[in-house]
PDB file of N, CA and C in Angstrom:
ATOM      1  N   UNK A   1      64.662  87.126  91.484  1.00  0.00           N
ATOM      2  CA  UNK A   1      65.011  87.531  92.835  1.00  0.00           C
ATOM      3  C   UNK A   1      64.729  89.016  92.984  1.00  0.00           C
ATOM      4  N   UNK A   2      64.061  89.403  94.067  1.00  0.00           N
ATOM      5  CA  UNK A   2      63.782  90.812  94.337  1.00  0.00           C
ATOM      6  C   UNK A   2      64.785  91.334  95.370  1.00  0.00           C
ATOM      7  N   UNK A   3      65.381  92.505  95.075  1.00  0.00           N
ATOM      8  CA  UNK A   3      66.312  93.162  95.985  1.00  0.00           C
ATOM      9  C   UNK A   3      65.691  94.475  96.465  1.00  0.00           C
ATOM     10  N   UNK A   4      65.163  94.509  97.699  1.00  0.00           N
ATOM     11  CA  UNK A   4      64.504  95.721  98.195  1.00  0.00           C
ATOM     12  C   UNK A   4      65.414  96.949  98.229  1.00  0.00           C
ATOM     13  N   UNK A   5      66.703  96.777  98.532  1.00  0.00           N
ATOM     14  CA  UNK A   5      67.588  97.944  98.637  1.00  0.00           C
ATOM     15  C   UNK A   5      67.787  98.641  97.298  1.00  0.00           C
ATOM     16  N   UNK A   6      67.534  97.933  96.196  1.00  0.00           N
ATOM     17  CA  UNK A   6      67.645  98.532  94.865  1.00  0.00           C
ATOM     18  C   UNK A   6      66.278  98.704  94.206  1.00  0.00           C
ATOM     19  N   UNK A   7      65.210  98.198  94.857  1.00  0.00           N
ATOM     20  CA  UNK A   7      63.868  98.158  94.277  1.00  0.00           C
ATOM     21  C   UNK A   7      63.941  97.592  92.865  1.00  0.00           C
ATOM     22  N   UNK A   8      64.564  96.402  92.780  1.00  0.00           N
ATOM     23  CA  UNK A   8      64.814  95.799  91.476  1.00  0.00           C
ATOM     24  C   UNK A   8      64.660  94.284  91.539  1.00  0.00           C
ATOM     25  N   UNK A   9      64.284  93.729  90.401  1.00  0.00           N
ATOM     26  CA  UNK A   9      64.196  92.285  90.236  1.00  0.00           C
ATOM     27  C   UNK A   9      65.350  91.853  89.341  1.00  0.00           C
ATOM     28  N   UNK A  10      65.936  90.691  89.647  1.00  0.00           N
ATOM     29  CA  UNK A  10      67.065  90.207  88.863  1.00  0.00           C
ATOM     30  C   UNK A  10      66.861  88.772  88.423  1.00  0.00           C
ATOM     31  N   UNK A  11      67.453  88.479  87.277  1.00  0.00           N
ATOM     32  CA  UNK A  11      67.450  87.134  86.726  1.00  0.00           C
ATOM     33  C   UNK A  11      68.899  86.850  86.332  1.00  0.00           C
ATOM     34  N   UNK A  12      69.384  85.649  86.617  1.00  0.00           N
ATOM     35  CA  UNK A  12      70.776  85.299  86.364  1.00  0.00           C
ATOM     36  C   UNK A  12      70.862  84.200  85.313  1.00  0.00           C
ATOM     37  N   UNK A  13      71.876  84.302  84.455  1.00  0.00           N
ATOM     38  CA  UNK A  13      72.131  83.272  83.464  1.00  0.00           C
ATOM     39  C   UNK A  13      73.596  83.359  83.045  1.00  0.00           C
ATOM     40  N   UNK A  14      74.048  82.391  82.246  1.00  0.00           N
ATOM     41  CA  UNK A  14      75.421  82.396  81.748  1.00  0.00           C
ATOM     42  C   UNK A  14      75.425  82.795  80.279  1.00  0.00           C
ATOM     43  N   UNK A  15      76.440  83.578  79.897  1.00  0.00           N
ATOM     44  CA  UNK A  15      76.622  83.880  78.483  1.00  0.00           C
ATOM     45  C   UNK A  15      77.317  82.683  77.826  1.00  0.00           C
ATOM     46  N   UNK A  16      77.491  82.700  76.507  1.00  0.00           N
ATOM     47  CA  UNK A  16      78.086  81.537  75.833  1.00  0.00           C
ATOM     48  C   UNK A  16      79.488  81.164  76.311  1.00  0.00           C
ATOM     49  N   UNK A  17      80.231  82.094  76.918  1.00  0.00           N
ATOM     50  CA  UNK A  17      81.572  81.757  77.404  1.00  0.00           C
ATOM     51  C   UNK A  17      81.591  81.399  78.879  1.00  0.00           C
ATOM     52  N   UNK A  18      80.418  81.391  79.536  1.00  0.00           N
ATOM     53  CA  UNK A  18      80.348  80.976  80.926  1.00  0.00           C
ATOM     54  C   UNK A  18      80.365  82.100  81.946  1.00  0.00           C
ATOM     55  N   UNK A  19      80.379  83.358  81.502  1.00  0.00           N
ATOM     56  CA  UNK A  19      80.297  84.476  82.451  1.00  0.00           C
ATOM     57  C   UNK A  19      78.905  84.551  83.050  1.00  0.00           C
ATOM     58  N   UNK A  20      78.827  84.927  84.315  1.00  0.00           N
ATOM     59  CA  UNK A  20      77.533  85.133  84.960  1.00  0.00           C
ATOM     60  C   UNK A  20      76.997  86.496  84.520  1.00  0.00           C
ATOM     61  N   UNK A  21      75.771  86.515  84.035  1.00  0.00           N
ATOM     62  CA  UNK A  21      75.121  87.751  83.616  1.00  0.00           C
ATOM     63  C   UNK A  21      73.885  87.943  84.476  1.00  0.00           C
ATOM     64  N   UNK A  22      73.685  89.157  84.947  1.00  0.00           N
ATOM     65  CA  UNK A  22      72.501  89.486  85.738  1.00  0.00           C
ATOM     66  C   UNK A  22      71.678  90.487  84.946  1.00  0.00           C
ATOM     67  N   UNK A  23      70.440  90.149  84.676  1.00  0.00           N
ATOM     68  CA  UNK A  23      69.515  91.058  84.017  1.00  0.00           C
ATOM     69  C   UNK A  23      68.697  91.719  85.108  1.00  0.00           C
ATOM     70  N   UNK A  24      68.805  93.036  85.226  1.00  0.00           N
ATOM     71  CA  UNK A  24      68.170  93.781  86.318  1.00  0.00           C
ATOM     72  C   UNK A  24      67.010  94.612  85.778  1.00  0.00           C
ATOM     73  N   UNK A  25      65.857  94.463  86.408  1.00  0.00           N
ATOM     74  CA  UNK A  25      64.700  95.301  86.098  1.00  0.00           C
ATOM     75  C   UNK A  25      64.437  96.224  87.276  1.00  0.00           C
ATOM     76  N   UNK A  26      64.750  97.494  87.110  1.00  0.00           N
ATOM     77  CA  UNK A  26      64.535  98.471  88.176  1.00  0.00           C
ATOM     78  C   UNK A  26      63.080  98.927  88.097  1.00  0.00           C
ATOM     79  N   UNK A  27      62.352  98.712  89.151  1.00  0.00           N
ATOM     80  CA  UNK A  27      60.901  98.880  89.125  1.00  0.00           C
ATOM     81  C   UNK A  27      60.428 100.289  88.800  1.00  0.00           C
ATOM     82  N   UNK A  28      61.131 101.310  89.231  1.00  0.00           N
ATOM     83  CA  UNK A  28      60.662 102.680  88.981  1.00  0.00           C
ATOM     84  C   UNK A  28      61.245 103.272  87.710  1.00  0.00           C
ATOM     85  N   UNK A  29      62.001 102.493  86.954  1.00  0.00           N
ATOM     86  CA  UNK A  29      62.691 103.051  85.800  1.00  0.00           C
ATOM     87  C   UNK A  29      62.342 102.344  84.505  1.00  0.00           C
ATOM     88  N   UNK A  30      61.990 101.089  84.597  1.00  0.00           N
ATOM     89  CA  UNK A  30      61.830 100.290  83.393  1.00  0.00           C
ATOM     90  C   UNK A  30      60.616 100.691  82.579  1.00  0.00           C
ATOM     91  N   UNK A  31      60.699 100.431  81.290  1.00  0.00           N
ATOM     92  CA  UNK A  31      59.612 100.703  80.358  1.00  0.00           C
ATOM     93  C   UNK A  31      58.753  99.461  80.231  1.00  0.00           C
ATOM     94  N   UNK A  32      57.485  99.652  79.949  1.00  0.00           N
ATOM     95  CA  UNK A  32      56.587  98.524  79.775  1.00  0.00           C
ATOM     96  C   UNK A  32      56.337  98.316  78.293  1.00  0.00           C
ATOM     97  N   UNK A  33      55.919  97.123  77.941  1.00  0.00           N
ATOM     98  CA  UNK A  33      55.665  96.812  76.540  1.00  0.00           C
ATOM     99  C   UNK A  33      56.509  95.628  76.118  1.00  0.00           C
ATOM    100  N   UNK A  34      56.641  95.453  74.818  1.00  0.00           N
ATOM    101  CA  UNK A  34      57.412  94.336  74.294  1.00  0.00           C
ATOM    102  C   UNK A  34      58.883  94.487  74.654  1.00  0.00           C
ATOM    103  N   UNK A  35      59.527  93.355  74.888  1.00  0.00           N
ATOM    104  CA  UNK A  35      60.947  93.351  75.192  1.00  0.00           C
ATOM    105  C   UNK A  35      61.718  93.440  73.872  1.00  0.00           C
ATOM    106  N   UNK A  36      62.391  94.568  73.682  1.00  0.00           N
ATOM    107  CA  UNK A  36      63.191  94.792  72.484  1.00  0.00           C
ATOM    108  C   UNK A  36      64.564  95.286  72.919  1.00  0.00           C
ATOM    109  N   UNK A  37      65.486  95.458  71.966  1.00  0.00           N
ATOM    110  CA  UNK A  37      66.804  95.970  72.328  1.00  0.00           C
ATOM    111  C   UNK A  37      66.708  97.367  72.930  1.00  0.00           C
ATOM    112  N   UNK A  38      65.685  98.141  72.583  1.00  0.00           N
ATOM    113  CA  UNK A  38      65.497  99.473  73.155  1.00  0.00           C
ATOM    114  C   UNK A  38      65.076  99.409  74.626  1.00  0.00           C
ATOM    115  N   UNK A  39      64.602  98.248  75.079  1.00  0.00           N
ATOM    116  CA  UNK A  39      64.210  98.078  76.475  1.00  0.00           C
ATOM    117  C   UNK A  39      65.411  98.073  77.408  1.00  0.00           C
ATOM    118  N   UNK A  40      66.588  97.785  76.851  1.00  0.00           N
ATOM    119  CA  UNK A  40      67.811  97.729  77.654  1.00  0.00           C
ATOM    120  C   UNK A  40      68.421  99.119  77.679  1.00  0.00           C
ATOM    121  N   UNK A  41      68.332  99.777  78.830  1.00  0.00           N
ATOM    122  CA  UNK A  41      68.692 101.181  78.946  1.00  0.00           C
ATOM    123  C   UNK A  41      70.183 101.418  79.098  1.00  0.00           C
ATOM    124  N   UNK A  42      70.877 100.558  79.810  1.00  0.00           N
ATOM    125  CA  UNK A  42      72.303 100.758  80.047  1.00  0.00           C
ATOM    126  C   UNK A  42      72.890  99.533  80.738  1.00  0.00           C
ATOM    127  N   UNK A  43      74.196  99.515  80.834  1.00  0.00           N
ATOM    128  CA  UNK A  43      74.856  98.518  81.673  1.00  0.00           C
ATOM    129  C   UNK A  43      74.839  99.097  83.074  1.00  0.00           C
ATOM    130  N   UNK A  44      74.212  98.389  83.981  1.00  0.00           N
ATOM    131  CA  UNK A  44      73.995  98.916  85.317  1.00  0.00           C
ATOM    132  C   UNK A  44      75.143  98.604  86.267  1.00  0.00           C
ATOM    133  N   UNK A  45      75.696  97.417  86.153  1.00  0.00           N
ATOM    134  CA  UNK A  45      76.761  97.006  87.078  1.00  0.00           C
ATOM    135  C   UNK A  45      77.861  96.270  86.323  1.00  0.00           C
ATOM    136  N   UNK A  46      79.092  96.584  86.668  1.00  0.00           N
ATOM    137  CA  UNK A  46      80.264  95.867  86.166  1.00  0.00           C
ATOM    138  C   UNK A  46      81.036  95.394  87.397  1.00  0.00           C
ATOM    139  N   UNK A  47      81.409  94.138  87.390  1.00  0.00           N
ATOM    140  CA  UNK A  47      82.158  93.605  88.526  1.00  0.00           C
ATOM    141  C   UNK A  47      83.657  93.727  88.286  1.00  0.00           C
ATOM    142  N   UNK A  48      84.354  94.163  89.311  1.00  0.00           N
ATOM    143  CA  UNK A  48      85.808  94.124  89.335  1.00  0.00           C
ATOM    144  C   UNK A  48      86.187  93.154  90.441  1.00  0.00           C
ATOM    145  N   UNK A  49      86.844  92.061  90.050  1.00  0.00           N
ATOM    146  CA  UNK A  49      87.302  91.058  91.008  1.00  0.00           C
ATOM    147  C   UNK A  49      88.805  91.220  91.162  1.00  0.00           C
ATOM    148  N   UNK A  50      89.228  91.465  92.398  1.00  0.00           N
ATOM    149  CA  UNK A  50      90.647  91.714  92.653  1.00  0.00           C
ATOM    150  C   UNK A  50      91.022  91.295  94.073  1.00  0.00           C
ATOM    151  N   UNK A  51      92.226  90.766  94.260  1.00  0.00           N
ATOM    152  CA  UNK A  51      92.682  90.503  95.624  1.00  0.00           C
ATOM    153  C   UNK A  51      93.055  91.797  96.351  1.00  0.00           C
ATOM    154  N   UNK A  52      93.088  92.911  95.629  1.00  0.00           N
ATOM    155  CA  UNK A  52      93.461  94.220  96.183  1.00  0.00           C
ATOM    156  C   UNK A  52      92.216  95.097  96.349  1.00  0.00           C
ATOM    157  N   UNK A  53      91.181  94.555  96.977  1.00  0.00           N
ATOM    158  CA  UNK A  53      89.884  95.214  97.077  1.00  0.00           C
ATOM    159  C   UNK A  53      90.000  96.606  97.699  1.00  0.00           C
ATOM    160  N   UNK A  54      90.664  96.723  98.825  1.00  0.00           N
ATOM    161  CA  UNK A  54      90.741  98.013  99.522  1.00  0.00           C
ATOM    162  C   UNK A  54      91.497  99.037  98.675  1.00  0.00           C
ATOM    163  N   UNK A  55      92.650  98.646  98.151  1.00  0.00           N
ATOM    164  CA  UNK A  55      93.462  99.552  97.329  1.00  0.00           C
ATOM    165  C   UNK A  55      92.692 100.029  96.091  1.00  0.00           C
ATOM    166  N   UNK A  56      92.071  99.095  95.375  1.00  0.00           N
ATOM    167  CA  UNK A  56      91.307  99.448  94.178  1.00  0.00           C
ATOM    168  C   UNK A  56      90.099 100.305  94.566  1.00  0.00           C
ATOM    169  N   UNK A  57      89.447  99.972  95.668  1.00  0.00           N
ATOM    170  CA  UNK A  57      88.307 100.777  96.135  1.00  0.00           C
ATOM    171  C   UNK A  57      88.713 102.208  96.426  1.00  0.00           C
ATOM    172  N   UNK A  58      89.857 102.392  97.043  1.00  0.00           N
ATOM    173  CA  UNK A  58      90.339 103.747  97.328  1.00  0.00           C
ATOM    174  C   UNK A  58      90.673 104.488  96.044  1.00  0.00           C
ATOM    175  N   UNK A  59      91.271 103.798  95.069  1.00  0.00           N
ATOM    176  CA  UNK A  59      91.585 104.434  93.787  1.00  0.00           C
ATOM    177  C   UNK A  59      90.307 104.874  93.069  1.00  0.00           C
ATOM    178  N   UNK A  60      89.291 104.032  93.095  1.00  0.00           N
ATOM    179  CA  UNK A  60      88.025 104.383  92.453  1.00  0.00           C
ATOM    180  C   UNK A  60      87.383 105.585  93.148  1.00  0.00           C
ATOM    181  N   UNK A  61      87.439 105.614  94.476  1.00  0.00           N
ATOM    182  CA  UNK A  61      86.890 106.752  95.207  1.00  0.00           C
ATOM    183  C   UNK A  61      87.674 108.026  94.904  1.00  0.00           C
ATOM    184  N   UNK A  62      88.992 107.919  94.725  1.00  0.00           N
ATOM    185  CA  UNK A  62      89.808 109.079  94.356  1.00  0.00           C
ATOM    186  C   UNK A  62      89.393 109.632  92.993  1.00  0.00           C
ATOM    187  N   UNK A  63      88.824 108.773  92.133  1.00  0.00           N
ATOM    188  CA  UNK A  63      88.317 109.215  90.830  1.00  0.00           C
ATOM    189  C   UNK A  63      86.956 109.894  90.947  1.00  0.00           C
ATOM    190  N   UNK A  64      86.403 109.914  92.163  1.00  0.00           N
ATOM    191  CA  UNK A  64      85.086 110.516  92.363  1.00  0.00           C
ATOM    192  C   UNK A  64      83.947 109.527  92.293  1.00  0.00           C
ATOM    193  N   UNK A  65      84.257 108.224  92.329  1.00  0.00           N
ATOM    194  CA  UNK A  65      83.219 107.194  92.318  1.00  0.00           C
ATOM    195  C   UNK A  65      82.958 106.829  93.776  1.00  0.00           C
ATOM    196  N   UNK A  66      81.816 107.258  94.318  1.00  0.00           N
ATOM    197  CA  UNK A  66      81.590 107.079  95.756  1.00  0.00           C
ATOM    198  C   UNK A  66      81.190 105.661  96.146  1.00  0.00           C
ATOM    199  N   UNK A  67      81.536 105.295  97.363  1.00  0.00           N
ATOM    200  CA  UNK A  67      81.072 104.051  97.962  1.00  0.00           C
ATOM    201  C   UNK A  67      79.591 104.219  98.242  1.00  0.00           C
ATOM    202  N   UNK A  68      78.764 103.269  97.817  1.00  0.00           N
ATOM    203  CA  UNK A  68      77.303 103.416  97.913  1.00  0.00           C
ATOM    204  C   UNK A  68      76.805 103.468  99.355  1.00  0.00           C
ATOM    205  N   UNK A  69      77.355 102.631 100.212  1.00  0.00           N
ATOM    206  CA  UNK A  69      76.941 102.684 101.615  1.00  0.00           C
ATOM    207  C   UNK A  69      78.144 102.365 102.491  1.00  0.00           C
ATOM    208  N   UNK A  70      78.136 102.908 103.683  1.00  0.00           N
ATOM    209  CA  UNK A  70      79.260 102.715 104.580  1.00  0.00           C
ATOM    210  C   UNK A  70      80.358 103.723 104.302  1.00  0.00           C
ATOM    211  N   UNK A  71      81.422 103.604 105.049  1.00  0.00           N
ATOM    212  CA  UNK A  71      82.517 104.562 104.909  1.00  0.00           C
ATOM    213  C   UNK A  71      83.822 103.893 104.503  1.00  0.00           C
ATOM    214  N   UNK A  72      83.875 102.558 104.581  1.00  0.00           N
ATOM    215  CA  UNK A  72      85.097 101.851 104.226  1.00  0.00           C
ATOM    216  C   UNK A  72      84.776 100.659 103.340  1.00  0.00           C
ATOM    217  N   UNK A  73      85.669 100.388 102.413  1.00  0.00           N
ATOM    218  CA  UNK A  73      85.545  99.216 101.559  1.00  0.00           C
ATOM    219  C   UNK A  73      85.827  97.975 102.402  1.00  0.00           C
ATOM    220  N   UNK A  74      84.947  96.978 102.298  1.00  0.00           N
ATOM    221  CA  UNK A  74      85.121  95.720 103.027  1.00  0.00           C
ATOM    222  C   UNK A  74      85.882  94.749 102.127  1.00  0.00           C
ATOM    223  N   UNK A  75      87.074  94.323 102.517  1.00  0.00           N
ATOM    224  CA  UNK A  75      87.879  93.471 101.647  1.00  0.00           C
ATOM    225  C   UNK A  75      87.313  92.064 101.436  1.00  0.00           C
ATOM    226  N   UNK A  76      86.274  91.678 102.205  1.00  0.00           N
ATOM    227  CA  UNK A  76      85.749  90.320 102.148  1.00  0.00           C
ATOM    228  C   UNK A  76      84.353  90.221 101.546  1.00  0.00           C
ATOM    229  N   UNK A  77      83.734  91.338 101.219  1.00  0.00           N
ATOM    230  CA  UNK A  77      82.340  91.335 100.773  1.00  0.00           C
ATOM    231  C   UNK A  77      82.168  92.077  99.457  1.00  0.00           C
ATOM    232  N   UNK A  78      80.920  92.071  98.952  1.00  0.00           N
ATOM    233  CA  UNK A  78      80.567  92.905  97.804  1.00  0.00           C
ATOM    234  C   UNK A  78      80.613  94.365  98.227  1.00  0.00           C
ATOM    235  N   UNK A  79      81.176  95.209  97.397  1.00  0.00           N
ATOM    236  CA  UNK A  79      81.203  96.646  97.636  1.00  0.00           C
ATOM    237  C   UNK A  79      80.627  97.322  96.395  1.00  0.00           C
ATOM    238  N   UNK A  80      79.641  98.170  96.593  1.00  0.00           N
ATOM    239  CA  UNK A  80      79.026  98.873  95.479  1.00  0.00           C
ATOM    240  C   UNK A  80      79.548 100.299  95.463  1.00  0.00           C
ATOM    241  N   UNK A  81      80.116 100.712  94.332  1.00  0.00           N
ATOM    242  CA  UNK A  81      80.608 102.071  94.167  1.00  0.00           C
ATOM    243  C   UNK A  81      79.898 102.681  92.963  1.00  0.00           C
ATOM    244  N   UNK A  82      79.465 103.916  93.094  1.00  0.00           N
ATOM    245  CA  UNK A  82      78.786 104.599  91.999  1.00  0.00           C
ATOM    246  C   UNK A  82      77.578 105.351  92.502  1.00  0.00           C
ATOM    247  N   UNK A  83      76.756 105.767  91.552  1.00  0.00           N
ATOM    248  CA  UNK A  83      75.537 106.528  91.872  1.00  0.00           C
ATOM    249  C   UNK A  83      74.366 105.977  91.077  1.00  0.00           C
ATOM    250  N   UNK A  84      73.188 106.056  91.684  1.00  0.00           N
ATOM    251  CA  UNK A  84      71.978 105.642  90.977  1.00  0.00           C
ATOM    252  C   UNK A  84      72.070 104.193  90.542  1.00  0.00           C
ATOM    253  N   UNK A  85      71.853 103.971  89.244  1.00  0.00           N
ATOM    254  CA  UNK A  85      71.875 102.605  88.737  1.00  0.00           C
ATOM    255  C   UNK A  85      73.116 102.327  87.890  1.00  0.00           C
ATOM    256  N   UNK A  86      74.167 103.093  88.107  1.00  0.00           N
ATOM    257  CA  UNK A  86      75.453 102.858  87.440  1.00  0.00           C
ATOM    258  C   UNK A  86      76.484 102.551  88.521  1.00  0.00           C
ATOM    259  N   UNK A  87      76.801 101.268  88.644  1.00  0.00           N
ATOM    260  CA  UNK A  87      77.614 100.823  89.774  1.00  0.00           C
ATOM    261  C   UNK A  87      78.771  99.924  89.348  1.00  0.00           C
ATOM    262  N   UNK A  88      79.842  99.999  90.107  1.00  0.00           N
ATOM    263  CA  UNK A  88      80.937  99.038  90.027  1.00  0.00           C
ATOM    264  C   UNK A  88      80.799  98.151  91.261  1.00  0.00           C
ATOM    265  N   UNK A  89      80.775  96.850  91.039  1.00  0.00           N
ATOM    266  CA  UNK A  89      80.698  95.887  92.133  1.00  0.00           C
ATOM    267  C   UNK A  89      82.119  95.369  92.347  1.00  0.00           C
ATOM    268  N   UNK A  90      82.696  95.740  93.461  1.00  0.00           N
ATOM    269  CA  UNK A  90      84.076  95.377  93.791  1.00  0.00           C
ATOM    270  C   UNK A  90      84.039  94.180  94.729  1.00  0.00           C
ATOM    271  N   UNK A  91      84.741  93.113  94.345  1.00  0.00           N
ATOM    272  CA  UNK A  91      84.629  91.855  95.085  1.00  0.00           C
ATOM    273  C   UNK A  91      85.982  91.131  95.097  1.00  0.00           C
ATOM    274  N   UNK A  92      86.283  90.406  96.181  1.00  0.00           N
ATOM    275  CA  UNK A  92      87.523  89.620  96.215  1.00  0.00           C
ATOM    276  C   UNK A  92      87.353  88.305  95.444  1.00  0.00           C
ATOM    277  N   UNK A  93      88.462  87.744  94.947  1.00  0.00           N
ATOM    278  CA  UNK A  93      88.390  86.434  94.292  1.00  0.00           C
ATOM    279  C   UNK A  93      87.884  85.374  95.273  1.00  0.00           C
ATOM    280  N   UNK A  94      87.216  84.361  94.727  1.00  0.00           N
ATOM    281  CA  UNK A  94      86.751  83.257  95.548  1.00  0.00           C
ATOM    282  C   UNK A  94      85.340  83.404  96.067  1.00  0.00           C
ATOM    283  N   UNK A  95      84.756  84.595  95.951  1.00  0.00           N
ATOM    284  CA  UNK A  95      83.384  84.783  96.424  1.00  0.00           C
ATOM    285  C   UNK A  95      82.421  84.049  95.499  1.00  0.00           C
ATOM    286  N   UNK A  96      81.481  83.308  96.065  1.00  0.00           N
ATOM    287  CA  UNK A  96      80.502  82.577  95.264  1.00  0.00           C
ATOM    288  C   UNK A  96      79.435  83.552  94.766  1.00  0.00           C
ATOM    289  N   UNK A  97      79.156  83.496  93.465  1.00  0.00           N
ATOM    290  CA  UNK A  97      78.127  84.358  92.884  1.00  0.00           C
ATOM    291  C   UNK A  97      76.743  83.798  93.213  1.00  0.00           C
ATOM    292  N   UNK A  98      75.785  84.688  93.411  1.00  0.00           N
ATOM    293  CA  UNK A  98      74.416  84.271  93.703  1.00  0.00           C
ATOM    294  C   UNK A  98      73.920  83.285  92.652  1.00  0.00           C
ATOM    295  N   UNK A  99      73.199  82.285  93.098  1.00  0.00           N
ATOM    296  CA  UNK A  99      72.513  81.337  92.237  1.00  0.00           C
ATOM    297  C   UNK A  99      73.450  80.615  91.273  1.00  0.00           C
ATOM    298  N   UNK A 100      74.680  80.402  91.698  1.00  0.00           N
ATOM    299  CA  UNK A 100      75.654  79.751  90.835  1.00  0.00           C
ATOM    300  C   UNK A 100      76.631  78.951  91.688  1.00  0.00           C
ATOM    301  N   UNK A 101      77.300  78.020  91.068  1.00  0.00           N
ATOM    302  CA  UNK A 101      78.378  77.302  91.736  1.00  0.00           C
ATOM    303  C   UNK A 101      79.722  77.941  91.428  1.00  0.00           C
ATOM    304  N   UNK A 102      79.704  79.008  90.635  1.00  0.00           N
ATOM    305  CA  UNK A 102      80.937  79.675  90.222  1.00  0.00           C
ATOM    306  C   UNK A 102      81.394  80.680  91.268  1.00  0.00           C
ATOM    307  N   UNK A 103      82.709  80.848  91.335  1.00  0.00           N
ATOM    308  CA  UNK A 103      83.280  81.842  92.234  1.00  0.00           C
ATOM    309  C   UNK A 103      83.936  82.955  91.409  1.00  0.00           C
ATOM    310  N   UNK A 104      84.065  84.097  92.029  1.00  0.00           N
ATOM    311  CA  UNK A 104      84.664  85.254  91.371  1.00  0.00           C
ATOM    312  C   UNK A 104      86.140  85.001  91.101  1.00  0.00           C
ATOM    313  N   UNK A 105      86.572  85.358  89.899  1.00  0.00           N
ATOM    314  CA  UNK A 105      87.954  85.171  89.460  1.00  0.00           C
ATOM    315  C   UNK A 105      88.443  86.487  88.869  1.00  0.00           C
ATOM    316  N   UNK A 106      89.701  86.811  89.100  1.00  0.00           N
ATOM    317  CA  UNK A 106      90.289  88.028  88.543  1.00  0.00           C
ATOM    318  C   UNK A 106      90.640  87.816  87.080  1.00  0.00           C
ATOM    319  N   UNK A 107      90.147  88.697  86.218  1.00  0.00           N
ATOM    320  CA  UNK A 107      90.480  88.727  84.806  1.00  0.00           C
ATOM    321  C   UNK A 107      90.797  90.160  84.420  1.00  0.00           C
ATOM    322  N   UNK A 108      91.637  90.372  83.429  1.00  0.00           N
ATOM    323  CA  UNK A 108      91.866  91.735  82.937  1.00  0.00           C
ATOM    324  C   UNK A 108      90.542  92.335  82.459  1.00  0.00           C
ATOM    325  N   UNK A 109      90.412  93.627  82.657  1.00  0.00           N
ATOM    326  CA  UNK A 109      89.173  94.320  82.329  1.00  0.00           C
ATOM    327  C   UNK A 109      89.509  95.748  81.922  1.00  0.00           C
ATOM    328  N   UNK A 110      88.782  96.279  80.972  1.00  0.00           N
ATOM    329  CA  UNK A 110      88.924  97.692  80.607  1.00  0.00           C
ATOM    330  C   UNK A 110      87.538  98.280  80.437  1.00  0.00           C
ATOM    331  N   UNK A 111      87.319  99.437  81.040  1.00  0.00           N
ATOM    332  CA  UNK A 111      86.041 100.134  80.910  1.00  0.00           C
ATOM    333  C   UNK A 111      86.286 101.632  80.955  1.00  0.00           C
ATOM    334  N   UNK A 112      85.313 102.374  80.514  1.00  0.00           N
ATOM    335  CA  UNK A 112      85.372 103.834  80.575  1.00  0.00           C
ATOM    336  C   UNK A 112      84.287 104.309  81.520  1.00  0.00           C
ATOM    337  N   UNK A 113      84.673 105.151  82.461  1.00  0.00           N
ATOM    338  CA  UNK A 113      83.738 105.716  83.441  1.00  0.00           C
ATOM    339  C   UNK A 113      83.899 107.229  83.376  1.00  0.00           C
ATOM    340  N   UNK A 114      82.872 107.920  82.894  1.00  0.00           N
ATOM    341  CA  UNK A 114      82.928 109.384  82.757  1.00  0.00           C
ATOM    342  C   UNK A 114      84.220 109.837  82.068  1.00  0.00           C
ATOM    343  N   UNK A 115      84.506 109.253  80.930  1.00  0.00           N
ATOM    344  CA  UNK A 115      85.658 109.608  80.090  1.00  0.00           C
ATOM    345  C   UNK A 115      87.009 109.205  80.681  1.00  0.00           C
ATOM    346  N   UNK A 116      87.041 108.469  81.769  1.00  0.00           N
ATOM    347  CA  UNK A 116      88.292 107.968  82.339  1.00  0.00           C
ATOM    348  C   UNK A 116      88.387 106.478  82.012  1.00  0.00           C
ATOM    349  N   UNK A 117      89.489 106.078  81.392  1.00  0.00           N
ATOM    350  CA  UNK A 117      89.695 104.665  81.080  1.00  0.00           C
ATOM    351  C   UNK A 117      90.270 103.985  82.314  1.00  0.00           C
ATOM    352  N   UNK A 118      89.588 102.942  82.754  1.00  0.00           N
ATOM    353  CA  UNK A 118      89.984 102.165  83.926  1.00  0.00           C
ATOM    354  C   UNK A 118      90.366 100.776  83.434  1.00  0.00           C
ATOM    355  N   UNK A 119      91.584 100.356  83.754  1.00  0.00           N
ATOM    356  CA  UNK A 119      92.059  99.031  83.345  1.00  0.00           C
ATOM    357  C   UNK A 119      92.465  98.234  84.576  1.00  0.00           C
ATOM    358  N   UNK A 120      92.061  96.992  84.586  1.00  0.00           N
ATOM    359  CA  UNK A 120      92.479  96.060  85.628  1.00  0.00           C
ATOM    360  C   UNK A 120      93.376  95.038  84.952  1.00  0.00           C
ATOM    361  N   UNK A 121      94.596  94.849  85.480  1.00  0.00           N
ATOM    362  CA  UNK A 121      95.507  93.879  84.869  1.00  0.00           C
ATOM    363  C   UNK A 121      95.218  92.476  85.410  1.00  0.00           C
ATOM    364  N   UNK A 122      95.945  91.481  84.914  1.00  0.00           N
ATOM    365  CA  UNK A 122      95.672  90.090  85.270  1.00  0.00           C
ATOM    366  C   UNK A 122      95.951  89.772  86.742  1.00  0.00           C
ATOM    367  N   UNK A 123      96.692  90.645  87.417  1.00  0.00           N
ATOM    368  CA  UNK A 123      96.958  90.461  88.851  1.00  0.00           C
ATOM    369  C   UNK A 123      95.954  91.219  89.726  1.00  0.00           C
ATOM    370  N   UNK A 124      95.037  91.950  89.104  1.00  0.00           N
ATOM    371  CA  UNK A 124      94.027  92.680  89.856  1.00  0.00           C
ATOM    372  C   UNK A 124      94.456  94.080  90.264  1.00  0.00           C
ATOM    373  N   UNK A 125      95.509  94.596  89.653  1.00  0.00           N
ATOM    374  CA  UNK A 125      95.967  95.962  89.926  1.00  0.00           C
ATOM    375  C   UNK A 125      95.281  96.922  88.967  1.00  0.00           C
ATOM    376  N   UNK A 126      94.909  98.088  89.459  1.00  0.00           N
ATOM    377  CA  UNK A 126      94.207  99.089  88.653  1.00  0.00           C
ATOM    378  C   UNK A 126      95.193 100.008  87.964  1.00  0.00           C
ATOM    379  N   UNK A 127      94.954 100.261  86.683  1.00  0.00           N
ATOM    380  CA  UNK A 127      95.732 101.214  85.906  1.00  0.00           C
ATOM    381  C   UNK A 127      94.779 102.287  85.423  1.00  0.00           C
ATOM    382  N   UNK A 128      95.171 103.556  85.575  1.00  0.00           N
ATOM    383  CA  UNK A 128      94.316 104.655  85.113  1.00  0.00           C
ATOM    384  C   UNK A 128      95.021 105.401  83.998  1.00  0.00           C
TER     385      UNK A 128
END
C-alpha cells in the first residue's frame, strides 16, 4: 500500500503472537541493496490504544511530542504525534486496523521517548 502523505509504502503482517506489524519503506530514506538487519533503520511508529485518546494526546503534547496535523486530537480517529518518521499513533479501542479483521485493543505498554519513560496501564491511562 502506498501512502502519499508519508511518501511511503507499507506491508502488513502478523507476528507470532497475533500483533499487527507494519513494515514501512520510506521512499526518500531507505537504502537499496540486499535486505539485511542493517536495512531496518528504526521503529517508525508505535500505537497507543486507549479509551482516553484526548487526555493521553494532551499529555503527550505536554511532553513536547507535537500533533502531526491539525490542532486537536480526534477521539474517534488515528492521531499521529511526533516528528519526521518517529511517530506515536494514538487510536481509540475498537478501530479496525488496515487490511485486517482485527480491532485495536488497549494493552499495557512501556516505551522511552527522548529519555522519558512513557507507560500505559491496562485501563489506557498514561503514567510518566
